[in-house]
Protein backbone atom coordinates (compact mmCIF):
# COMPACT_ATOMS: atom_id res chain seq x y z
CA UNK A 1 82.16 139.21 92.86
CA UNK A 2 83.96 141.28 90.26
CA UNK A 3 85.63 139.78 87.23
CA UNK A 4 89.06 140.95 88.45
CA UNK A 5 88.61 139.23 91.82
CA UNK A 6 87.50 136.01 90.15
CA UNK A 7 90.49 136.14 87.84
CA UNK A 8 92.81 136.75 90.82
CA UNK A 9 91.41 133.73 92.68
CA UNK A 10 91.82 131.49 89.65
CA UNK A 11 95.39 132.65 89.14
CA UNK A 12 96.43 131.77 92.70
CA UNK A 13 98.32 128.48 92.93
CA UNK A 14 96.52 125.76 94.78
CA UNK A 15 98.39 124.65 97.91
CA UNK A 16 97.89 121.03 98.81
CA UNK A 17 97.10 120.53 102.47
CA UNK A 18 99.93 119.07 104.49
CA UNK A 19 99.30 115.51 105.67
CA UNK A 20 98.39 115.36 109.32
CA UNK A 21 101.00 113.82 111.53
CA UNK A 22 100.09 110.68 113.37
CA UNK A 23 98.67 111.64 116.73
CA UNK A 24 100.43 110.79 119.96
CA UNK A 25 97.42 108.68 120.97
CA UNK A 26 97.73 106.45 117.93
CA UNK A 27 101.51 106.11 117.84
CA UNK A 28 102.34 105.78 121.55
CA UNK A 29 99.36 105.28 123.81
CA UNK A 30 97.46 102.61 121.87
CA UNK A 31 100.39 100.13 121.67
CA UNK A 32 101.05 100.64 125.38
CA UNK A 33 97.37 100.11 126.13
CA UNK A 34 97.43 96.89 124.12
CA UNK A 35 100.35 95.57 126.17
CA UNK A 36 98.58 96.44 129.43
CA UNK A 37 95.40 94.66 128.33
CA UNK A 38 97.38 91.58 127.25
CA UNK A 39 99.32 91.32 130.51
CA UNK A 40 96.16 91.91 132.56
CA UNK A 41 94.29 89.17 130.70
CA UNK A 42 97.28 86.85 131.10
CA UNK A 43 97.51 87.47 134.85
CA UNK A 44 93.76 87.11 135.30
CA UNK A 45 93.68 83.82 133.42
CA UNK A 46 96.58 82.35 135.40
CA UNK A 47 95.29 83.29 138.84
CA UNK A 48 91.55 82.78 138.35
CA UNK A 49 91.87 79.50 136.45
CA UNK A 50 94.70 78.25 138.70
CA UNK A 51 96.94 77.33 135.77
CA UNK A 52 100.04 75.40 136.95
CA UNK A 53 103.31 77.34 136.49
CA UNK A 54 104.81 74.49 134.44
CA UNK A 55 102.09 75.12 131.83
CA UNK A 56 101.77 78.90 131.92
CA UNK A 57 103.72 81.02 134.40
CA UNK A 58 102.36 84.20 135.93
CA UNK A 59 103.54 87.49 134.41
CA UNK A 60 105.47 88.34 137.57
CA UNK A 61 107.36 85.01 137.36
CA UNK A 62 108.31 85.68 133.75
CA UNK A 63 109.34 89.24 134.65
CA UNK A 64 111.52 87.93 137.50
CA UNK A 65 113.22 85.45 135.16
CA UNK A 66 113.75 88.21 132.62
CA UNK A 67 115.26 90.56 135.19
CA UNK A 68 117.60 87.85 136.49
CA UNK A 69 119.04 87.53 132.99
CA UNK A 70 119.47 91.21 132.19
CA UNK A 71 120.46 92.62 135.61
CA UNK A 72 123.92 91.05 135.34
CA UNK A 73 127.21 91.93 133.75
CA UNK A 74 127.18 91.82 129.93
CA UNK A 75 130.03 89.32 130.11
CA UNK A 76 128.36 87.02 132.64
CA UNK A 77 127.57 83.50 131.36
CA UNK A 78 124.36 83.61 133.43
CA UNK A 79 122.89 86.55 131.50
CA UNK A 80 121.25 86.90 128.11
CA UNK A 81 123.82 89.23 126.60
CA UNK A 82 126.40 86.71 125.39
CA UNK A 83 123.81 84.29 123.91
CA UNK A 84 121.99 87.15 122.23
CA UNK A 85 125.23 88.49 120.78
CA UNK A 86 126.08 85.06 119.37
CA UNK A 87 122.65 84.77 117.77
CA UNK A 88 122.70 88.28 116.31
CA UNK A 89 126.23 87.88 114.98
CA UNK A 90 125.46 84.71 113.03
CA UNK A 91 122.09 86.08 111.90
CA UNK A 92 123.78 89.22 110.55
CA UNK A 93 126.34 87.20 108.58
CA UNK A 94 123.65 84.90 107.21
CA UNK A 95 121.45 87.88 106.32
CA UNK A 96 124.25 89.59 104.39
CA UNK A 97 125.07 86.42 102.48
CA UNK A 98 121.48 85.39 101.76
CA UNK A 99 120.13 88.83 100.91
CA UNK A 100 123.18 89.71 98.82
CA UNK A 101 122.89 86.51 96.82
CA UNK A 102 119.13 86.99 96.48
CA UNK A 103 119.57 90.55 95.17
CA UNK A 104 122.26 89.43 92.73
CA UNK A 105 120.29 86.51 91.29
CA UNK A 106 117.04 88.52 91.29
CA UNK A 107 118.74 91.26 89.28
CA UNK A 108 120.27 88.70 86.96
CA UNK A 109 116.93 87.02 86.29
CA UNK A 110 115.18 90.37 85.81
CA UNK A 111 117.75 91.35 83.18
CA UNK A 112 117.80 88.04 81.30
CA UNK A 113 114.94 85.72 80.38
CA UNK A 114 117.46 82.91 79.96
CA UNK A 115 118.65 83.19 83.56
CA UNK A 116 115.04 83.49 84.74
CA UNK A 117 114.07 80.19 83.10
CA UNK A 118 117.30 78.61 84.31
CA UNK A 119 117.19 79.59 88.01
CA UNK A 120 113.58 80.44 88.92
CA UNK A 121 112.21 76.85 89.01
CA UNK A 122 115.04 75.73 91.29
CA UNK A 123 114.54 78.75 93.55
CA UNK A 124 110.88 77.87 94.04
CA UNK A 125 111.76 74.21 94.55
CA UNK A 126 114.24 75.19 97.25
CA UNK A 127 111.69 77.46 98.92
CA UNK A 128 109.02 74.74 98.92
CA UNK A 129 111.25 72.39 100.92
CA UNK A 130 110.44 72.43 104.66
CA UNK A 131 113.37 74.09 106.36
CA UNK A 132 112.89 72.01 109.50
CA UNK A 133 113.45 68.89 107.40
CA UNK A 134 116.64 70.08 105.70
CA UNK A 135 118.07 71.82 108.77
CA UNK A 136 119.52 68.55 110.19
CA UNK A 137 121.28 67.97 106.85
CA UNK A 138 122.80 71.44 107.00
CA UNK A 139 124.01 70.74 110.54
CA UNK A 140 125.63 67.52 109.30
CA UNK A 141 127.29 69.31 106.38
CA UNK A 142 128.46 72.42 108.25
CA UNK A 143 128.86 71.03 111.76
CA UNK A 144 127.51 72.22 115.11
CA UNK A 145 129.45 75.48 115.07
CA UNK A 146 128.63 78.83 113.55
CA UNK A 147 128.69 77.49 109.99
CA UNK A 148 125.33 75.73 110.22
CA UNK A 149 123.70 78.78 111.86
CA UNK A 150 124.94 81.08 109.11
CA UNK A 151 123.89 78.63 106.38
CA UNK A 152 120.32 78.24 107.64
CA UNK A 153 119.87 81.97 108.23
CA UNK A 154 121.23 82.72 104.74
CA UNK A 155 118.88 80.13 103.25
CA UNK A 156 115.85 81.74 104.88
CA UNK A 157 116.93 85.27 103.92
CA UNK A 158 117.62 84.35 100.30
CA UNK A 159 114.14 83.82 98.85
CA UNK A 160 112.39 87.04 100.06
CA UNK A 161 115.17 89.15 98.57
CA UNK A 162 115.17 87.13 95.34
CA UNK A 163 111.44 87.50 94.68
CA UNK A 164 111.12 91.13 95.82
CA UNK A 165 114.12 92.36 93.85
CA UNK A 166 113.00 90.42 90.75
CA UNK A 167 109.44 91.79 90.99
CA UNK A 168 110.60 95.35 91.57
CA UNK A 169 113.06 95.36 88.68
CA UNK A 170 110.55 93.81 86.29
CA UNK A 171 107.86 96.38 87.17
CA UNK A 172 109.81 99.33 85.75
CA UNK A 173 107.94 101.44 83.20
CA UNK A 174 109.19 100.33 79.73
CA UNK A 175 109.05 103.92 78.51
CA UNK A 176 111.74 104.91 81.01
CA UNK A 177 113.95 102.09 79.78
CA UNK A 178 113.37 103.14 76.17
CA UNK A 179 114.32 106.70 77.11
CA UNK A 180 117.61 105.52 78.56
CA UNK A 181 118.29 103.50 75.42
CA UNK A 182 117.60 106.56 73.28
CA UNK A 183 120.25 108.37 75.32
CA UNK A 184 122.73 105.58 74.52
CA UNK A 185 122.92 104.49 78.15
CA UNK A 186 124.46 101.12 78.92
CA UNK A 187 122.49 98.34 80.60
CA UNK A 188 124.32 98.93 83.85
CA UNK A 189 123.55 102.67 83.73
CA UNK A 190 119.88 101.89 83.08
CA UNK A 191 119.93 99.46 85.98
CA UNK A 192 121.60 101.95 88.34
CA UNK A 193 119.72 105.11 87.37
CA UNK A 194 116.22 103.84 86.55
CA UNK A 195 115.58 100.24 87.61
CA UNK A 196 117.28 100.13 91.00
CA UNK A 197 115.61 103.29 92.41
CA UNK A 198 112.25 102.07 91.13
CA UNK A 199 112.76 98.66 92.75
CA UNK A 200 114.03 100.13 96.05
CA UNK A 201 110.64 99.87 97.85
CA UNK A 202 110.37 96.22 96.80
CA UNK A 203 113.95 95.56 97.88
CA UNK A 204 113.40 97.10 101.30
CA UNK A 205 110.26 95.01 101.70
CA UNK A 206 112.44 91.97 101.02
CA UNK A 207 115.04 93.21 103.50
CA UNK A 208 112.33 93.65 106.12
CA UNK A 209 111.35 89.99 105.78
CA UNK A 210 114.87 88.66 105.24
CA UNK A 211 116.32 90.20 108.41
CA UNK A 212 113.65 88.56 110.57
CA UNK A 213 113.89 85.23 108.73
CA UNK A 214 117.66 85.22 109.17
CA UNK A 215 117.19 85.78 112.90
CA UNK A 216 114.71 82.89 113.08
CA UNK A 217 116.94 80.63 111.03
CA UNK A 218 119.81 81.12 113.45
CA UNK A 219 117.58 80.17 116.39
CA UNK A 220 116.38 77.03 114.57
CA UNK A 221 119.99 75.98 114.02
CA UNK A 222 120.71 76.55 117.70
CA UNK A 223 117.83 74.26 118.63
CA UNK A 224 119.41 71.43 116.66
CA UNK A 225 122.80 71.70 118.29
CA UNK A 226 124.99 74.57 119.44
CA UNK A 227 127.14 75.67 122.34
CA UNK A 228 125.81 79.23 122.66
CA UNK A 229 122.85 81.30 121.56
CA UNK A 230 119.28 82.14 122.50
CA UNK A 231 118.13 78.82 121.11
CA UNK A 232 120.44 77.08 123.57
CA UNK A 233 119.00 79.22 126.41
CA UNK A 234 115.47 78.10 125.50
CA UNK A 235 116.51 74.47 125.16
CA UNK A 236 118.20 74.46 128.58
CA UNK A 237 115.17 76.10 130.19
CA UNK A 238 112.86 73.51 128.64
CA UNK A 239 115.06 70.69 129.90
CA UNK A 240 114.49 71.73 133.52
CA UNK A 241 110.84 72.77 132.97
CA UNK A 242 111.68 76.42 133.54
CA UNK A 243 108.71 77.79 131.61
CA UNK A 244 109.21 81.27 133.06
CA UNK A 245 112.76 81.25 131.68
CA UNK A 246 111.41 80.20 128.28
CA UNK A 247 108.94 83.10 128.33
CA UNK A 248 111.72 85.51 129.31
CA UNK A 249 113.83 84.39 126.35
CA UNK A 250 110.80 84.68 124.06
CA UNK A 251 110.20 88.24 125.26
CA UNK A 252 113.77 89.14 124.35
CA UNK A 253 113.45 87.55 120.91
CA UNK A 254 110.17 89.35 120.29
CA UNK A 255 111.66 92.68 121.33
CA UNK A 256 114.67 92.15 119.06
CA UNK A 257 112.36 91.26 116.17
CA UNK A 258 110.39 94.48 116.66
CA UNK A 259 113.64 96.47 116.90
CA UNK A 260 114.98 94.95 113.68
CA UNK A 261 111.74 95.71 111.85
CA UNK A 262 111.69 99.30 113.14
CA UNK A 263 115.33 99.80 112.11
CA UNK A 264 114.68 98.62 108.56
CA UNK A 265 111.58 100.82 108.35
CA UNK A 266 113.55 103.86 109.50
CA UNK A 267 116.31 103.26 106.95
CA UNK A 268 113.64 102.71 104.30
CA UNK A 269 112.03 106.08 105.06
CA UNK A 270 115.41 107.81 104.86
CA UNK A 271 116.66 106.19 101.66
CA UNK A 272 113.41 105.74 99.71
CA UNK A 273 111.97 109.11 100.62
CA UNK A 274 110.40 109.60 97.17
CA UNK A 275 108.05 106.69 97.87
CA UNK A 276 106.74 108.26 101.10
CA UNK A 277 105.22 111.44 99.69
CA UNK A 278 101.72 112.05 100.90
CA UNK A 279 101.97 109.42 103.63
CA UNK A 280 101.61 110.10 107.31
């Protein structure tokens, strides 16, 4: 090889290979195959072992109960739409309150050692309390209406946002903060321009947990006493030993949980795009 050709090769810019996109087999077929295997094993166990329907219903019984609740008018009291709307509405309000308060206090503690020492021990003490034990107290304080549902969902959404936002804001490179100070930037400008974008992946991880916890907290409150909601649907089905109806409600809750997680992940990929470079 001539010296000119070698020099020409060295002078060419190296082009990084593009990351391979996730194959259709991995992203679509494998999850579907997992569901088929699970349902097949479930059906085989019920029919071969002769499990009574009041212990474990057959998949077709659960599917029939599910269809009877969704193949109705959205405004029918016999369907799942009105209870699910009630649960989602209160969970959304509780999530906004809990996650907003968690982000605010997490930012406050990350910016001030005094506030960290003042609030952090009580935050961990609150998180260590069993929520099932304090849920009846919340119902007594806020009543059997929507207030107790919102309070419990906000309580469960609070801690993940607090810890994730605090950790993300504290993990900022000190050199970047010093650079902003050298440019005479205010603390709020440093927070907005440097710290908040750096902590965004941590914050979205907290949102991902908080949105599911808020949903679960609402259902727990509905178990303790409510007039409407998916927790009430499950409680009524248990009272008449309608195990297939319980499974149908659980399927809906599981599907909603997956949908909430996927929605947060999609928003995360759109807003925190700089953290997804080089990933499939």
